[in-house]
Amino acid sequence: MKWYLKVLKQYADFTGRARRTEYWMFVLFNMIFAIAAAVLDNLLGLKFTPEIPYGFIYLIYGLATFIPGLAVMVRRLHDVDKSGWWFLISFIPIIGTIWIIVLLATDGTPGTNQYGVNPKENFNEINEIGQKQL
């Protein structure tokens, strides 16, 4: 949960690098909360139409987490030494989706790359979430 909150606190930060743990924990919790929002929409009868299984709560949640999700994906691509624009490859049917998943699951480049220091080298990173940097 700390990784999910870390991504939300870095709401529109497209600079730097993100570890695999940070990205995939955000994806996991994002999916859980999105499913919960869709279920809540169904229970409260807030669906747009009977054919669409989600409504206003899901829509608001999706809009609120779109920018942080995009930002963490760009930082994750920076960790494997790729430009953030590589996320556009996911729009290529099938092959692009597979390739972006491979890139997001690949271990980051060791040491410093053009996007910053390896986040694995900062062992206190998760403990520093929300603390003011000096």
Protein backbone atom coordinates (compact mmCIF):
# COMPACT_ATOMS: atom_id res chain seq x y z
CA MET A 1 0.00 0.00 0.00
CA LYS A 2 2.95 2.33 0.65
CA TRP A 3 4.00 2.01 -2.99
CA TYR A 4 0.50 2.94 -4.16
CA LEU A 5 0.53 6.03 -1.96
CA LYS A 6 4.04 6.91 -3.16
CA VAL A 7 2.78 7.00 -6.75
CA LEU A 8 -0.18 9.17 -5.76
CA LYS A 9 2.10 11.60 -3.91
CA GLN A 10 4.22 11.90 -7.07
CA TYR A 11 1.00 12.74 -8.94
CA ALA A 12 2.45 14.21 -12.15
CA ASP A 13 6.17 13.56 -11.68
CA PHE A 14 7.41 12.23 -15.01
CA THR A 15 11.10 12.56 -14.11
CA GLY A 16 13.38 10.00 -12.54
CA ARG A 17 13.10 6.26 -12.31
CA ALA A 18 10.65 3.80 -10.73
CA ARG A 19 11.41 0.30 -9.50
CA ARG A 20 9.48 -2.72 -10.69
CA THR A 21 7.99 -3.07 -7.22
CA GLU A 22 6.67 0.49 -7.30
CA TYR A 23 5.03 0.03 -10.70
CA TRP A 24 3.52 -3.42 -10.19
CA MET A 25 2.26 -2.70 -6.66
CA PHE A 26 0.54 0.40 -8.05
CA VAL A 27 -1.01 -1.72 -10.82
CA LEU A 28 -2.18 -4.34 -8.30
CA PHE A 29 -3.83 -1.87 -5.93
CA ASN A 30 -5.21 0.16 -8.82
CA MET A 31 -6.96 -2.95 -10.18
CA ILE A 32 -8.34 -3.83 -6.74
CA PHE A 33 -9.72 -0.32 -6.21
CA ALA A 34 -11.12 -0.14 -9.76
CA ILE A 35 -12.98 -3.42 -9.27
CA ALA A 36 -14.25 -2.21 -5.90
CA ALA A 37 -15.48 1.02 -7.54
CA ALA A 38 -17.30 -0.96 -10.25
CA VAL A 39 -18.91 -3.23 -7.64
CA LEU A 40 -19.94 -0.19 -5.61
CA ASP A 41 -21.49 1.36 -8.71
CA ASN A 42 -23.50 -1.83 -9.25
CA LEU A 43 -24.62 -2.04 -5.63
CA LEU A 44 -25.72 1.60 -5.54
CA GLY A 45 -27.33 1.45 -8.97
CA LEU A 46 -25.11 4.18 -10.39
CA LYS A 47 -24.47 2.44 -13.70
CA PHE A 48 -24.72 4.54 -16.86
CA THR A 49 -26.76 1.89 -18.69
CA PRO A 50 -27.67 -1.73 -17.87
CA GLU A 51 -25.11 -2.97 -20.43
CA ILE A 52 -22.17 -1.04 -18.93
CA PRO A 53 -21.10 -2.56 -15.59
CA TYR A 54 -19.67 0.65 -14.10
CA GLY A 55 -20.76 4.18 -13.38
CA PHE A 56 -19.80 7.48 -11.80
CA ILE A 57 -17.60 6.19 -8.96
CA TYR A 58 -15.53 4.09 -11.35
CA LEU A 59 -15.28 7.01 -13.79
CA ILE A 60 -14.12 9.46 -11.11
CA TYR A 61 -11.59 6.94 -9.76
CA GLY A 62 -10.28 6.25 -13.27
CA LEU A 63 -9.87 9.94 -14.03
CA ALA A 64 -8.15 10.57 -10.69
CA THR A 65 -5.57 7.81 -11.20
CA PHE A 66 -4.94 8.25 -14.93
CA ILE A 67 -2.12 10.84 -14.61
CA PRO A 68 -0.31 9.06 -11.71
CA GLY A 69 -0.55 5.78 -13.63
CA LEU A 70 0.92 7.34 -16.73
CA ALA A 71 3.65 9.04 -14.68
CA VAL A 72 4.73 5.82 -12.95
CA MET A 73 4.77 4.02 -16.31
CA VAL A 74 7.05 6.71 -17.76
CA ARG A 75 9.35 6.50 -14.72
CA ARG A 76 9.38 2.70 -15.07
CA LEU A 77 10.41 3.03 -18.72
CA HIS A 78 13.14 5.45 -17.63
CA ASP A 79 14.45 2.72 -15.31
CA VAL A 80 15.05 0.44 -18.30
CA ASP A 81 16.72 3.39 -20.10
CA LYS A 82 13.83 4.05 -22.52
CA SER A 83 12.09 7.33 -23.23
CA GLY A 84 8.63 7.77 -21.77
CA TRP A 85 7.30 8.00 -25.31
CA TRP A 86 7.81 4.24 -25.59
CA PHE A 87 4.41 3.85 -23.91
CA LEU A 88 2.91 4.67 -27.33
CA ILE A 89 4.07 1.26 -28.55
CA SER A 90 1.21 -0.23 -26.54
CA PHE A 91 -1.23 1.10 -29.16
CA ILE A 92 0.08 -1.44 -31.68
CA PRO A 93 -2.37 -4.35 -31.40
CA ILE A 94 -1.10 -7.49 -29.64
CA ILE A 95 2.65 -7.07 -30.37
CA GLY A 96 2.79 -3.60 -28.78
CA THR A 97 0.97 -4.75 -25.67
CA ILE A 98 3.29 -7.71 -25.25
CA TRP A 99 6.37 -5.55 -25.82
CA ILE A 100 5.35 -2.89 -23.29
CA ILE A 101 4.68 -5.60 -20.67
CA VAL A 102 8.15 -7.04 -21.34
CA LEU A 103 9.71 -3.58 -20.93
CA LEU A 104 7.78 -2.92 -17.71
CA ALA A 105 8.79 -6.31 -16.28
CA THR A 106 12.49 -6.02 -17.21
CA ASP A 107 15.01 -5.24 -14.48
CA GLY A 108 16.27 -1.66 -14.55
CA THR A 109 19.70 -0.67 -15.78
CA PRO A 110 22.29 -0.90 -13.00
CA GLY A 111 23.89 2.29 -11.76
CA THR A 112 23.06 5.71 -13.06
CA ASN A 113 21.53 6.20 -16.50
CA GLN A 114 20.45 9.36 -18.34
CA TYR A 115 17.25 9.54 -16.25
CA GLY A 116 18.84 9.37 -12.81
CA VAL A 117 20.20 7.13 -10.10
CA ASN A 118 19.14 3.49 -9.82
CA PRO A 119 16.23 3.46 -7.33
CA LYS A 120 17.41 0.09 -5.99
CA GLU A 121 20.53 1.79 -4.64
CA ASN A 122 18.39 3.95 -2.31
CA PHE A 123 17.39 1.36 0.29
CA ASN A 124 15.45 3.85 2.44
CA GLU A 125 13.29 5.04 -0.46
CA ILE A 126 10.01 3.62 0.87
CA ASN A 127 10.70 5.04 4.34
CA GLU A 128 11.26 8.52 2.90
CA ILE A 129 7.83 8.74 1.26
CA GLY A 130 6.17 12.00 2.20
CA GLN A 131 9.16 13.34 4.09
CA LYS A 132 10.60 16.67 3.10
CA GLN A 133 13.87 16.42 1.20
CA LEU A 134 16.74 18.61 2.41
